[in-house]
Protein backbone atom coordinates (compact mmCIF):
# COMPACT_ATOMS: atom_id res chain seq x y z
CA UNK A 1 0.00 0.00 0.00
CA UNK A 2 1.43 3.36 -1.03
CA UNK A 3 1.95 6.05 1.55
CA UNK A 4 0.40 9.47 1.16
CA UNK A 5 2.97 12.17 0.29
CA UNK A 6 2.71 15.68 1.75
CA UNK A 7 5.15 18.29 0.43
CA UNK A 8 5.77 21.24 2.74
CA UNK A 9 5.56 24.82 1.50
CA UNK A 10 9.33 25.35 2.01
CA UNK A 11 10.08 22.17 0.00
CA UNK A 12 7.78 23.38 -2.80
CA UNK A 13 9.59 26.74 -2.75
CA UNK A 14 12.94 24.91 -2.94
CA UNK A 15 11.78 22.98 -5.99
CA UNK A 16 10.36 26.08 -7.68
CA UNK A 17 13.62 27.95 -7.09
CA UNK A 18 15.73 25.11 -8.51
CA UNK A 19 13.56 24.65 -11.60
CA UNK A 20 13.38 28.40 -12.15
CA UNK A 21 17.14 28.82 -11.82
CA UNK A 22 17.84 26.05 -14.31
CA UNK A 23 15.16 27.15 -16.80
CA UNK A 24 15.75 30.90 -16.68
CA UNK A 25 19.21 31.70 -15.33
CA UNK A 26 20.96 28.77 -16.98
CA UNK A 27 18.64 28.98 -19.99
CA UNK A 28 18.10 25.21 -19.95
CA UNK A 29 14.35 24.56 -19.92
CA UNK A 30 14.86 20.96 -21.04
CA UNK A 31 17.11 20.27 -18.06
CA UNK A 32 14.58 21.93 -15.75
CA UNK A 33 11.80 19.73 -17.14
CA UNK A 34 13.99 16.63 -16.73
CA UNK A 35 14.65 17.56 -13.08
CA UNK A 36 10.94 18.00 -12.45
CA UNK A 37 10.13 14.67 -14.14
CA UNK A 38 12.70 12.81 -12.04
CA UNK A 39 11.46 14.56 -8.88
CA UNK A 40 7.92 13.34 -9.53
CA UNK A 41 9.16 9.83 -10.34
CA UNK A 42 11.13 9.72 -7.09
CA UNK A 43 8.10 10.88 -5.07
CA UNK A 44 6.15 7.90 -6.46
CA UNK A 45 9.04 5.60 -5.58
CA UNK A 46 9.20 6.99 -2.03
CA UNK A 47 5.43 6.58 -1.64
CA UNK A 48 5.73 2.89 -2.57
CA UNK A 49 9.00 2.23 -0.69
CA UNK A 50 9.53 4.84 2.04
CA UNK A 51 12.53 3.08 3.60
CA UNK A 52 14.33 2.55 0.30
CA UNK A 53 16.54 5.58 0.87
CA UNK A 54 18.81 5.98 3.84
CA UNK A 55 18.82 8.34 6.77
CA UNK A 56 20.97 11.45 6.27
CA UNK A 57 22.89 11.46 9.54
CA UNK A 58 24.16 15.05 9.29
CA UNK A 59 20.72 16.53 8.64
CA UNK A 60 19.05 14.24 11.19
CA UNK A 61 21.54 15.29 13.85
CA UNK A 62 21.05 18.98 12.99
CA UNK A 63 17.26 18.83 13.49
CA UNK A 64 17.10 16.05 16.11
CA UNK A 65 14.78 13.80 14.11
CA UNK A 66 15.23 11.13 11.48
CA UNK A 67 15.42 12.63 7.97
CA UNK A 68 15.90 10.48 4.88
CA UNK A 69 17.43 11.64 1.60
CA UNK A 70 16.43 10.52 -1.88
CA UNK A 71 18.81 11.65 -4.65
CA UNK A 72 17.38 13.50 -7.65
CA UNK A 73 20.18 14.33 -10.07
CA UNK A 74 22.42 16.69 -8.01
CA UNK A 75 19.64 17.44 -5.53
CA UNK A 76 18.00 15.57 -2.70
CA UNK A 77 14.47 15.12 -1.47
CA UNK A 78 14.57 15.23 2.34
CA UNK A 79 11.67 13.53 4.06
CA UNK A 80 10.30 11.93 7.20
CA UNK A 81 8.01 8.93 7.59
CA UNK A 82 4.93 8.84 9.81
CA UNK A 83 4.15 5.13 10.08
CA UNK A 84 0.97 5.68 12.08
CA UNK A 85 -0.54 7.92 9.42
CA UNK A 86 1.14 6.08 6.50
CA UNK A 87 2.38 9.50 5.34
CA UNK A 88 5.64 10.81 3.90
CA UNK A 89 6.42 14.44 4.74
CA UNK A 90 8.82 16.12 2.31
CA UNK A 91 10.59 18.82 4.31
CA UNK A 92 13.19 20.08 1.81
CA UNK A 93 14.57 19.83 -1.70
CA UNK A 94 18.20 20.89 -1.73
CA UNK A 95 21.23 20.86 -4.03
CA UNK A 96 24.01 18.55 -2.90
CA UNK A 97 26.49 21.43 -2.57
CA UNK A 98 24.30 23.42 -0.20
CA UNK A 99 24.67 23.30 3.57
CA UNK A 100 21.44 21.38 4.09
CA UNK A 101 21.89 20.81 7.86
CA UNK A 102 22.07 24.59 8.41
CA UNK A 103 19.10 25.21 6.11
CA UNK A 104 17.06 22.59 7.98
CA UNK A 105 17.93 24.04 11.41
CA UNK A 106 16.39 27.36 10.30
CA UNK A 107 13.06 25.74 9.33
PDB file of N, CA and C in Angstrom:
ATOM      1  N   UNK A   1       0.832  -1.182   0.000  1.00  0.00           N
ATOM      2  CA  UNK A   1       0.000   0.000   0.000  1.00  0.00           C
ATOM      3  C   UNK A   1       0.875   1.244   0.000  1.00  0.00           C
ATOM      4  N   UNK A   2       0.639   2.136  -0.919  1.00  0.00           N
ATOM      5  CA  UNK A   2       1.435   3.358  -1.032  1.00  0.00           C
ATOM      6  C   UNK A   2       1.101   4.328   0.094  1.00  0.00           C
ATOM      7  N   UNK A   3       2.112   5.017   0.538  1.00  0.00           N
ATOM      8  CA  UNK A   3       1.949   6.047   1.548  1.00  0.00           C
ATOM      9  C   UNK A   3       1.463   7.325   0.869  1.00  0.00           C
ATOM     10  N   UNK A   4       0.801   8.144   1.636  1.00  0.00           N
ATOM     11  CA  UNK A   4       0.400   9.469   1.159  1.00  0.00           C
ATOM     12  C   UNK A   4       1.632  10.366   1.259  1.00  0.00           C
ATOM     13  N   UNK A   5       1.824  11.260   0.291  1.00  0.00           N
ATOM     14  CA  UNK A   5       2.972  12.171   0.289  1.00  0.00           C
ATOM     15  C   UNK A   5       2.473  13.601   0.469  1.00  0.00           C
ATOM     16  N   UNK A   6       3.032  14.280   1.478  1.00  0.00           N
ATOM     17  CA  UNK A   6       2.708  15.678   1.747  1.00  0.00           C
ATOM     18  C   UNK A   6       3.999  16.477   1.580  1.00  0.00           C
ATOM     19  N   UNK A   7       3.970  17.449   0.676  1.00  0.00           N
ATOM     20  CA  UNK A   7       5.148  18.287   0.427  1.00  0.00           C
ATOM     21  C   UNK A   7       4.938  19.624   1.134  1.00  0.00           C
ATOM     22  N   UNK A   8       5.883  19.986   1.987  1.00  0.00           N
ATOM     23  CA  UNK A   8       5.773  21.239   2.738  1.00  0.00           C
ATOM     24  C   UNK A   8       5.922  22.444   1.813  1.00  0.00           C
ATOM     25  N   UNK A   9       5.423  23.583   2.273  1.00  0.00           N
ATOM     26  CA  UNK A   9       5.563  24.820   1.503  1.00  0.00           C
ATOM     27  C   UNK A   9       7.038  25.168   1.253  1.00  0.00           C
ATOM     28  N   UNK A  10       7.917  25.068   2.270  1.00  0.00           N
ATOM     29  CA  UNK A  10       9.333  25.354   2.008  1.00  0.00           C
ATOM     30  C   UNK A  10       9.945  24.398   0.961  1.00  0.00           C
ATOM     31  N   UNK A  11       9.554  23.129   0.983  1.00  0.00           N
ATOM     32  CA  UNK A  11      10.077  22.175   0.001  1.00  0.00           C
ATOM     33  C   UNK A  11       9.570  22.523  -1.401  1.00  0.00           C
ATOM     34  N   UNK A  12       8.304  22.931  -1.510  1.00  0.00           N
ATOM     35  CA  UNK A  12       7.779  23.384  -2.801  1.00  0.00           C
ATOM     36  C   UNK A  12       8.530  24.612  -3.296  1.00  0.00           C
ATOM     37  N   UNK A  13       8.831  25.540  -2.386  1.00  0.00           N
ATOM     38  CA  UNK A  13       9.587  26.742  -2.750  1.00  0.00           C
ATOM     39  C   UNK A  13      10.998  26.369  -3.205  1.00  0.00           C
ATOM     40  N   UNK A  14      11.616  25.387  -2.527  1.00  0.00           N
ATOM     41  CA  UNK A  14      12.943  24.910  -2.937  1.00  0.00           C
ATOM     42  C   UNK A  14      12.916  24.388  -4.362  1.00  0.00           C
ATOM     43  N   UNK A  15      11.915  23.560  -4.658  1.00  0.00           N
ATOM     44  CA  UNK A  15      11.784  22.979  -5.992  1.00  0.00           C
ATOM     45  C   UNK A  15      11.543  24.069  -7.033  1.00  0.00           C
ATOM     46  N   UNK A  16      10.639  24.985  -6.747  1.00  0.00           N
ATOM     47  CA  UNK A  16      10.362  26.084  -7.682  1.00  0.00           C
ATOM     48  C   UNK A  16      11.620  26.899  -7.964  1.00  0.00           C
ATOM     49  N   UNK A  17      12.395  27.174  -6.927  1.00  0.00           N
ATOM     50  CA  UNK A  17      13.623  27.953  -7.090  1.00  0.00           C
ATOM     51  C   UNK A  17      14.632  27.202  -7.960  1.00  0.00           C
ATOM     52  N   UNK A  18      14.782  25.907  -7.726  1.00  0.00           N
ATOM     53  CA  UNK A  18      15.734  25.113  -8.511  1.00  0.00           C
ATOM     54  C   UNK A  18      15.323  25.048  -9.976  1.00  0.00           C
ATOM     55  N   UNK A  19      14.048  24.753 -10.218  1.00  0.00           N
ATOM     56  CA  UNK A  19      13.557  24.649 -11.598  1.00  0.00           C
ATOM     57  C   UNK A  19      13.649  26.011 -12.284  1.00  0.00           C
ATOM     58  N   UNK A  20      13.289  27.062 -11.587  1.00  0.00           N
ATOM     59  CA  UNK A  20      13.383  28.401 -12.154  1.00  0.00           C
ATOM     60  C   UNK A  20      14.809  28.790 -12.483  1.00  0.00           C
ATOM     61  N   UNK A  21      15.724  28.496 -11.592  1.00  0.00           N
ATOM     62  CA  UNK A  21      17.135  28.815 -11.821  1.00  0.00           C
ATOM     63  C   UNK A  21      17.656  28.100 -13.064  1.00  0.00           C
ATOM     64  N   UNK A  22      17.353  26.825 -13.160  1.00  0.00           N
ATOM     65  CA  UNK A  22      17.839  26.046 -14.308  1.00  0.00           C
ATOM     66  C   UNK A  22      17.196  26.533 -15.607  1.00  0.00           C
ATOM     67  N   UNK A  23      15.882  26.761 -15.582  1.00  0.00           N
ATOM     68  CA  UNK A  23      15.159  27.147 -16.801  1.00  0.00           C
ATOM     69  C   UNK A  23      15.509  28.559 -17.254  1.00  0.00           C
ATOM     70  N   UNK A  24      15.582  29.502 -16.305  1.00  0.00           N
ATOM     71  CA  UNK A  24      15.745  30.904 -16.678  1.00  0.00           C
ATOM     72  C   UNK A  24      17.206  31.353 -16.637  1.00  0.00           C
ATOM     73  N   UNK A  25      17.839  31.212 -15.479  1.00  0.00           N
ATOM     74  CA  UNK A  25      19.207  31.703 -15.332  1.00  0.00           C
ATOM     75  C   UNK A  25      20.187  30.911 -16.196  1.00  0.00           C
ATOM     76  N   UNK A  26      20.063  29.605 -16.170  1.00  0.00           N
ATOM     77  CA  UNK A  26      20.964  28.769 -16.975  1.00  0.00           C
ATOM     78  C   UNK A  26      20.465  28.579 -18.402  1.00  0.00           C
ATOM     79  N   UNK A  27      19.253  29.070 -18.666  1.00  0.00           N
ATOM     80  CA  UNK A  27      18.642  28.982 -19.994  1.00  0.00           C
ATOM     81  C   UNK A  27      18.625  27.532 -20.501  1.00  0.00           C
ATOM     82  N   UNK A  28      18.158  26.631 -19.624  1.00  0.00           N
ATOM     83  CA  UNK A  28      18.104  25.206 -19.951  1.00  0.00           C
ATOM     84  C   UNK A  28      16.736  24.639 -19.562  1.00  0.00           C
ATOM     85  N   UNK A  29      15.685  25.036 -20.288  1.00  0.00           N
ATOM     86  CA  UNK A  29      14.351  24.558 -19.922  1.00  0.00           C
ATOM     87  C   UNK A  29      14.205  23.045 -20.029  1.00  0.00           C
ATOM     88  N   UNK A  30      14.912  22.419 -20.929  1.00  0.00           N
ATOM     89  CA  UNK A  30      14.857  20.960 -21.040  1.00  0.00           C
ATOM     90  C   UNK A  30      15.414  20.281 -19.797  1.00  0.00           C
ATOM     91  N   UNK A  31      16.510  20.820 -19.277  1.00  0.00           N
ATOM     92  CA  UNK A  31      17.105  20.266 -18.059  1.00  0.00           C
ATOM     93  C   UNK A  31      16.180  20.494 -16.863  1.00  0.00           C
ATOM     94  N   UNK A  32      15.520  21.650 -16.832  1.00  0.00           N
ATOM     95  CA  UNK A  32      14.577  21.927 -15.749  1.00  0.00           C
ATOM     96  C   UNK A  32      13.410  20.949 -15.796  1.00  0.00           C
ATOM     97  N   UNK A  33      12.910  20.684 -16.994  1.00  0.00           N
ATOM     98  CA  UNK A  33      11.800  19.726 -17.145  1.00  0.00           C
ATOM     99  C   UNK A  33      12.235  18.329 -16.745  1.00  0.00           C
ATOM    100  N   UNK A  34      13.469  17.949 -17.091  1.00  0.00           N
ATOM    101  CA  UNK A  34      13.987  16.626 -16.730  1.00  0.00           C
ATOM    102  C   UNK A  34      14.117  16.500 -15.213  1.00  0.00           C
ATOM    103  N   UNK A  35      14.554  17.571 -14.545  1.00  0.00           N
ATOM    104  CA  UNK A  35      14.654  17.558 -13.079  1.00  0.00           C
ATOM    105  C   UNK A  35      13.268  17.374 -12.464  1.00  0.00           C
ATOM    106  N   UNK A  36      12.300  18.100 -12.967  1.00  0.00           N
ATOM    107  CA  UNK A  36      10.937  17.999 -12.448  1.00  0.00           C
ATOM    108  C   UNK A  36      10.358  16.608 -12.677  1.00  0.00           C
ATOM    109  N   UNK A  37      10.599  16.033 -13.845  1.00  0.00           N
ATOM    110  CA  UNK A  37      10.126  14.673 -14.138  1.00  0.00           C
ATOM    111  C   UNK A  37      10.733  13.654 -13.181  1.00  0.00           C
ATOM    112  N   UNK A  38      12.046  13.760 -12.947  1.00  0.00           N
ATOM    113  CA  UNK A  38      12.700  12.809 -12.042  1.00  0.00           C
ATOM    114  C   UNK A  38      12.219  13.009 -10.605  1.00  0.00           C
ATOM    115  N   UNK A  39      11.988  14.256 -10.214  1.00  0.00           N
ATOM    116  CA  UNK A  39      11.462  14.557  -8.883  1.00  0.00           C
ATOM    117  C   UNK A  39      10.125  13.836  -8.679  1.00  0.00           C
ATOM    118  N   UNK A  40       9.233  13.979  -9.635  1.00  0.00           N
ATOM    119  CA  UNK A  40       7.918  13.344  -9.530  1.00  0.00           C
ATOM    120  C   UNK A  40       8.025  11.820  -9.522  1.00  0.00           C
ATOM    121  N   UNK A  41       8.940  11.284 -10.316  1.00  0.00           N
ATOM    122  CA  UNK A  41       9.158   9.832 -10.338  1.00  0.00           C
ATOM    123  C   UNK A  41       9.666   9.349  -8.981  1.00  0.00           C
ATOM    124  N   UNK A  42      10.579  10.102  -8.387  1.00  0.00           N
ATOM    125  CA  UNK A  42      11.132   9.715  -7.088  1.00  0.00           C
ATOM    126  C   UNK A  42      10.076   9.820  -5.985  1.00  0.00           C
ATOM    127  N   UNK A  43       9.174  10.801  -6.066  1.00  0.00           N
ATOM    128  CA  UNK A  43       8.103  10.877  -5.072  1.00  0.00           C
ATOM    129  C   UNK A  43       7.230   9.630  -5.127  1.00  0.00           C
ATOM    130  N   UNK A  44       6.938   9.141  -6.335  1.00  0.00           N
ATOM    131  CA  UNK A  44       6.148   7.904  -6.461  1.00  0.00           C
ATOM    132  C   UNK A  44       6.912   6.719  -5.866  1.00  0.00           C
ATOM    133  N   UNK A  45       8.211   6.673  -6.109  1.00  0.00           N
ATOM    134  CA  UNK A  45       9.037   5.598  -5.579  1.00  0.00           C
ATOM    135  C   UNK A  45       9.060   5.640  -4.046  1.00  0.00           C
ATOM    136  N   UNK A  46       9.204   6.833  -3.485  1.00  0.00           N
ATOM    137  CA  UNK A  46       9.197   6.988  -2.032  1.00  0.00           C
ATOM    138  C   UNK A  46       7.848   6.557  -1.458  1.00  0.00           C
ATOM    139  N   UNK A  47       6.769   6.935  -2.119  1.00  0.00           N
ATOM    140  CA  UNK A  47       5.425   6.576  -1.642  1.00  0.00           C
ATOM    141  C   UNK A  47       5.259   5.064  -1.578  1.00  0.00           C
ATOM    142  N   UNK A  48       5.837   4.347  -2.537  1.00  0.00           N
ATOM    143  CA  UNK A  48       5.731   2.886  -2.570  1.00  0.00           C
ATOM    144  C   UNK A  48       6.753   2.190  -1.677  1.00  0.00           C
ATOM    145  N   UNK A  49       7.900   2.837  -1.456  1.00  0.00           N
ATOM    146  CA  UNK A  49       9.005   2.228  -0.695  1.00  0.00           C
ATOM    147  C   UNK A  49       9.660   3.273   0.202  1.00  0.00           C
ATOM    148  N   UNK A  50       9.008   3.718   1.255  1.00  0.00           N
ATOM    149  CA  UNK A  50       9.527   4.842   2.043  1.00  0.00           C
ATOM    150  C   UNK A  50      10.893   4.600   2.685  1.00  0.00           C
ATOM    151  N   UNK A  51      11.237   3.368   2.949  1.00  0.00           N
ATOM    152  CA  UNK A  51      12.525   3.076   3.603  1.00  0.00           C
ATOM    153  C   UNK A  51      13.630   2.713   2.602  1.00  0.00           C
ATOM    154  N   UNK A  52      13.352   2.878   1.331  1.00  0.00           N
ATOM    155  CA  UNK A  52      14.327   2.547   0.300  1.00  0.00           C
ATOM    156  C   UNK A  52      15.581   3.403   0.408  1.00  0.00           C
ATOM    157  N   UNK A  53      15.411   4.655   0.794  1.00  0.00           N
ATOM    158  CA  UNK A  53      16.536   5.579   0.873  1.00  0.00           C
ATOM    159  C   UNK A  53      16.956   5.768   2.321  1.00  0.00           C
ATOM    160  N   UNK A  54      18.245   5.952   2.508  1.00  0.00           N
ATOM    161  CA  UNK A  54      18.811   5.979   3.844  1.00  0.00           C
ATOM    162  C   UNK A  54      18.614   7.275   4.596  1.00  0.00           C
ATOM    163  N   UNK A  55      18.895   7.185   5.875  1.00  0.00           N
ATOM    164  CA  UNK A  55      18.824   8.338   6.771  1.00  0.00           C
ATOM    165  C   UNK A  55      20.061   9.195   6.531  1.00  0.00           C
ATOM    166  N   UNK A  56      19.862  10.504   6.387  1.00  0.00           N
ATOM    167  CA  UNK A  56      20.966  11.454   6.272  1.00  0.00           C
ATOM    168  C   UNK A  56      21.377  11.815   7.700  1.00  0.00           C
ATOM    169  N   UNK A  57      22.486  11.286   8.146  1.00  0.00           N
ATOM    170  CA  UNK A  57      22.889  11.462   9.539  1.00  0.00           C
ATOM    171  C   UNK A  57      23.197  12.905   9.901  1.00  0.00           C
ATOM    172  N   UNK A  58      23.821  13.662   8.989  1.00  0.00           N
ATOM    173  CA  UNK A  58      24.160  15.049   9.287  1.00  0.00           C
ATOM    174  C   UNK A  58      22.913  15.912   9.454  1.00  0.00           C
ATOM    175  N   UNK A  59      21.959  15.753   8.553  1.00  0.00           N
ATOM    176  CA  UNK A  59      20.717  16.527   8.635  1.00  0.00           C
ATOM    177  C   UNK A  59      19.907  16.070   9.842  1.00  0.00           C
ATOM    178  N   UNK A  60      19.818  14.767  10.057  1.00  0.00           N
ATOM    179  CA  UNK A  60      19.055  14.241  11.191  1.00  0.00           C
ATOM    180  C   UNK A  60      19.604  14.760  12.509  1.00  0.00           C
ATOM    181  N   UNK A  61      20.909  14.786  12.632  1.00  0.00           N
ATOM    182  CA  UNK A  61      21.535  15.289  13.855  1.00  0.00           C
ATOM    183  C   UNK A  61      21.258  16.781  14.023  1.00  0.00           C
ATOM    184  N   UNK A  62      21.261  17.527  12.930  1.00  0.00           N
ATOM    185  CA  UNK A  62      21.047  18.976  12.989  1.00  0.00           C
ATOM    186  C   UNK A  62      19.645  19.329  13.470  1.00  0.00           C
ATOM    187  N   UNK A  63      18.653  18.507  13.130  1.00  0.00           N
ATOM    188  CA  UNK A  63      17.259  18.832  13.486  1.00  0.00           C
ATOM    189  C   UNK A  63      16.687  17.894  14.550  1.00  0.00           C
ATOM    190  N   UNK A  64      17.485  16.974  15.043  1.00  0.00           N
ATOM    191  CA  UNK A  64      17.098  16.050  16.113  1.00  0.00           C
ATOM    192  C   UNK A  64      15.876  15.202  15.767  1.00  0.00           C
ATOM    193  N   UNK A  65      15.798  14.769  14.527  1.00  0.00           N
ATOM    194  CA  UNK A  65      14.780  13.799  14.106  1.00  0.00           C
ATOM    195  C   UNK A  65      15.304  13.092  12.868  1.00  0.00           C
ATOM    196  N   UNK A  66      14.739  11.948  12.581  1.00  0.00           N
ATOM    197  CA  UNK A  66      15.231  11.128  11.477  1.00  0.00           C
ATOM    198  C   UNK A  66      14.745  11.682  10.128  1.00  0.00           C
ATOM    199  N   UNK A  67      15.699  12.097   9.302  1.00  0.00           N
ATOM    200  CA  UNK A  67      15.419  12.633   7.971  1.00  0.00           C
ATOM    201  C   UNK A  67      16.105  11.739   6.949  1.00  0.00           C
ATOM    202  N   UNK A  68      15.351  11.294   5.969  1.00  0.00           N
ATOM    203  CA  UNK A  68      15.903  10.479   4.882  1.00  0.00           C
ATOM    204  C   UNK A  68      16.158  11.354   3.668  1.00  0.00           C
ATOM    205  N   UNK A  69      17.074  10.893   2.807  1.00  0.00           N
ATOM    206  CA  UNK A  69      17.427  11.639   1.600  1.00  0.00           C
ATOM    207  C   UNK A  69      17.315  10.735   0.387  1.00  0.00           C
ATOM    208  N   UNK A  70      16.559  11.203  -0.599  1.00  0.00           N
ATOM    209  CA  UNK A  70      16.427  10.517  -1.882  1.00  0.00           C
ATOM    210  C   UNK A  70      17.122  11.377  -2.937  1.00  0.00           C
ATOM    211  N   UNK A  71      18.130  10.852  -3.640  1.00  0.00           N
ATOM    212  CA  UNK A  71      18.814  11.651  -4.654  1.00  0.00           C
ATOM    213  C   UNK A  71      17.951  11.883  -5.893  1.00  0.00           C
ATOM    214  N   UNK A  72      18.036  13.104  -6.400  1.00  0.00           N
ATOM    215  CA  UNK A  72      17.378  13.497  -7.646  1.00  0.00           C
ATOM    216  C   UNK A  72      18.401  14.336  -8.412  1.00  0.00           C
ATOM    217  N   UNK A  73      19.072  13.701  -9.356  1.00  0.00           N
ATOM    218  CA  UNK A  73      20.183  14.332 -10.069  1.00  0.00           C
ATOM    219  C   UNK A  73      21.173  14.852  -9.024  1.00  0.00           C
ATOM    220  N   UNK A  74      21.472  16.152  -8.999  1.00  0.00           N
ATOM    221  CA  UNK A  74      22.417  16.695  -8.013  1.00  0.00           C
ATOM    222  C   UNK A  74      21.723  17.257  -6.773  1.00  0.00           C
ATOM    223  N   UNK A  75      20.454  16.951  -6.636  1.00  0.00           N
ATOM    224  CA  UNK A  75      19.636  17.442  -5.531  1.00  0.00           C
ATOM    225  C   UNK A  75      19.234  16.278  -4.634  1.00  0.00           C
ATOM    226  N   UNK A  76      18.536  16.600  -3.576  1.00  0.00           N
ATOM    227  CA  UNK A  76      18.001  15.570  -2.698  1.00  0.00           C
ATOM    228  C   UNK A  76      16.623  15.954  -2.199  1.00  0.00           C
ATOM    229  N   UNK A  77      15.765  14.952  -2.123  1.00  0.00           N
ATOM    230  CA  UNK A  77      14.466  15.117  -1.470  1.00  0.00           C
ATOM    231  C   UNK A  77      14.672  14.666  -0.028  1.00  0.00           C
ATOM    232  N   UNK A  78      14.416  15.545   0.924  1.00  0.00           N
ATOM    233  CA  UNK A  78      14.571  15.231   2.343  1.00  0.00           C
ATOM    234  C   UNK A  78      13.188  15.016   2.925  1.00  0.00           C
ATOM    235  N   UNK A  79      13.009  13.877   3.596  1.00  0.00           N
ATOM    236  CA  UNK A  79      11.668  13.531   4.057  1.00  0.00           C
ATOM    237  C   UNK A  79      11.689  12.731   5.345  1.00  0.00           C
ATOM    238  N   UNK A  80      10.520  12.741   6.010  1.00  0.00           N
ATOM    239  CA  UNK A  80      10.300  11.928   7.200  1.00  0.00           C
ATOM    240  C   UNK A  80       9.148  10.971   6.917  1.00  0.00           C
ATOM    241  N   UNK A  81       9.061   9.939   7.735  1.00  0.00           N
ATOM    242  CA  UNK A  81       8.010   8.935   7.586  1.00  0.00           C
ATOM    243  C   UNK A  81       7.165   8.922   8.851  1.00  0.00           C
ATOM    244  N   UNK A  82       5.860   9.008   8.691  1.00  0.00           N
ATOM    245  CA  UNK A  82       4.932   8.839   9.807  1.00  0.00           C
ATOM    246  C   UNK A  82       4.225   7.503   9.579  1.00  0.00           C
ATOM    247  N   UNK A  83       4.696   6.474  10.271  1.00  0.00           N
ATOM    248  CA  UNK A  83       4.148   5.125  10.085  1.00  0.00           C
ATOM    249  C   UNK A  83       2.686   5.053  10.503  1.00  0.00           C
ATOM    250  N   UNK A  84       2.339   5.727  11.586  1.00  0.00           N
ATOM    251  CA  UNK A  84       0.969   5.678  12.079  1.00  0.00           C
ATOM    252  C   UNK A  84      -0.035   6.228  11.087  1.00  0.00           C
ATOM    253  N   UNK A  85       0.342   7.285  10.401  1.00  0.00           N
ATOM    254  CA  UNK A  85      -0.535   7.920   9.422  1.00  0.00           C
ATOM    255  C   UNK A  85      -0.274   7.433   7.994  1.00  0.00           C
ATOM    256  N   UNK A  86       0.747   6.566   7.840  1.00  0.00           N
ATOM    257  CA  UNK A  86       1.144   6.083   6.500  1.00  0.00           C
ATOM    258  C   UNK A  86       1.361   7.278   5.564  1.00  0.00           C
ATOM    259  N   UNK A  87       2.156   8.251   6.070  1.00  0.00           N
ATOM    260  CA  UNK A  87       2.380   9.497   5.343  1.00  0.00           C
ATOM    261  C   UNK A  87       3.865   9.812   5.276  1.00  0.00           C
ATOM    262  N   UNK A  88       4.285  10.297   4.120  1.00  0.00           N
ATOM    263  CA  UNK A  88       5.636  10.811   3.900  1.00  0.00           C
ATOM    264  C   UNK A  88       5.533  12.327   3.919  1.00  0.00           C
ATOM    265  N   UNK A  89       6.383  12.978   4.700  1.00  0.00           N
ATOM    266  CA  UNK A  89       6.424  14.438   4.741  1.00  0.00           C
ATOM    267  C   UNK A  89       7.733  14.906   4.114  1.00  0.00           C
ATOM    268  N   UNK A  90       7.638  15.564   2.979  1.00  0.00           N
ATOM    269  CA  UNK A  90       8.819  16.121   2.312  1.00  0.00           C
ATOM    270  C   UNK A  90       9.082  17.472   2.960  1.00  0.00           C
ATOM    271  N   UNK A  91      10.278  17.606   3.556  1.00  0.00           N
ATOM    272  CA  UNK A  91      10.588  18.820   4.306  1.00  0.00           C
ATOM    273  C   UNK A  91      11.537  19.752   3.569  1.00  0.00           C
ATOM    274  N   UNK A  92      12.257  19.233   2.566  1.00  0.00           N
ATOM    275  CA  UNK A  92      13.187  20.084   1.815  1.00  0.00           C
ATOM    276  C   UNK A  92      13.566  19.424   0.495  1.00  0.00           C
ATOM    277  N   UNK A  93      13.996  20.262  -0.430  1.00  0.00           N
ATOM    278  CA  UNK A  93      14.574  19.827  -1.699  1.00  0.00           C
ATOM    279  C   UNK A  93      15.806  20.696  -1.873  1.00  0.00           C
ATOM    280  N   UNK A  94      16.985  20.089  -1.808  1.00  0.00           N
ATOM    281  CA  UNK A  94      18.201  20.890  -1.734  1.00  0.00           C
ATOM    282  C   UNK A  94      19.298  20.326  -2.635  1.00  0.00           C
ATOM    283  N   UNK A  95      20.081  21.237  -3.218  1.00  0.00           N
ATOM    284  CA  UNK A  95      21.231  20.857  -4.033  1.00  0.00           C
ATOM    285  C   UNK A  95      22.292  20.237  -3.139  1.00  0.00           C
ATOM    286  N   UNK A  96      23.001  19.272  -3.669  1.00  0.00           N
ATOM    287  CA  UNK A  96      24.010  18.553  -2.902  1.00  0.00           C
ATOM    288  C   UNK A  96      25.150  19.412  -2.393  1.00  0.00           C
ATOM    289  N   UNK A  97      25.407  20.565  -3.018  1.00  0.00           N
ATOM    290  CA  UNK A  97      26.493  21.429  -2.572  1.00  0.00           C
ATOM    291  C   UNK A  97      26.068  22.446  -1.517  1.00  0.00           C
ATOM    292  N   UNK A  98      24.783  22.495  -1.223  1.00  0.00           N
ATOM    293  CA  UNK A  98      24.298  23.425  -0.205  1.00  0.00           C
ATOM    294  C   UNK A  98      24.500  22.840   1.189  1.00  0.00           C
ATOM    295  N   UNK A  99      24.520  23.711   2.176  1.00  0.00           N
ATOM    296  CA  UNK A  99      24.673  23.297   3.572  1.00  0.00           C
ATOM    297  C   UNK A  99      23.287  22.952   4.122  1.00  0.00           C
ATOM    298  N   UNK A 100      22.796  21.788   3.750  1.00  0.00           N
ATOM    299  CA  UNK A 100      21.439  21.382   4.092  1.00  0.00           C
ATOM    300  C   UNK A 100      21.206  21.308   5.607  1.00  0.00           C
ATOM    301  N   UNK A 101      22.141  20.817   6.412  1.00  0.00           N
ATOM    302  CA  UNK A 101      21.889  20.812   7.861  1.00  0.00           C
ATOM    303  C   UNK A 101      21.585  22.217   8.415  1.00  0.00           C
ATOM    304  N   UNK A 102      22.310  23.219   7.956  1.00  0.00           N
ATOM    305  CA  UNK A 102      22.071  24.594   8.408  1.00  0.00           C
ATOM    306  C   UNK A 102      20.721  25.091   7.914  1.00  0.00           C
ATOM    307  N   UNK A 103      20.392  24.800   6.670  1.00  0.00           N
ATOM    308  CA  UNK A 103      19.104  25.205   6.113  1.00  0.00           C
ATOM    309  C   UNK A 103      17.967  24.579   6.929  1.00  0.00           C
ATOM    310  N   UNK A 104      18.105  23.306   7.251  1.00  0.00           N
ATOM    311  CA  UNK A 104      17.057  22.590   7.981  1.00  0.00           C
ATOM    312  C   UNK A 104      16.923  23.107   9.413  1.00  0.00           C
ATOM    313  N   UNK A 105      18.006  23.507  10.047  1.00  0.00           N
ATOM    314  CA  UNK A 105      17.926  24.041  11.405  1.00  0.00           C
ATOM    315  C   UNK A 105      17.111  25.322  11.451  1.00  0.00           C
ATOM    316  N   UNK A 106      17.106  26.091  10.351  1.00  0.00           N
ATOM    317  CA  UNK A 106      16.392  27.356  10.296  1.00  0.00           C
ATOM    318  C   UNK A 106      14.895  27.176  10.014  1.00  0.00           C
ATOM    319  N   UNK A 107      14.481  25.970   9.683  1.00  0.00           N
ATOM    320  CA  UNK A 107      13.057  25.739   9.334  1.00  0.00           C
ATOM    321  C   UNK A 107      12.274  25.300  10.523  1.00  0.00           C
TER     322      UNK A 107
END
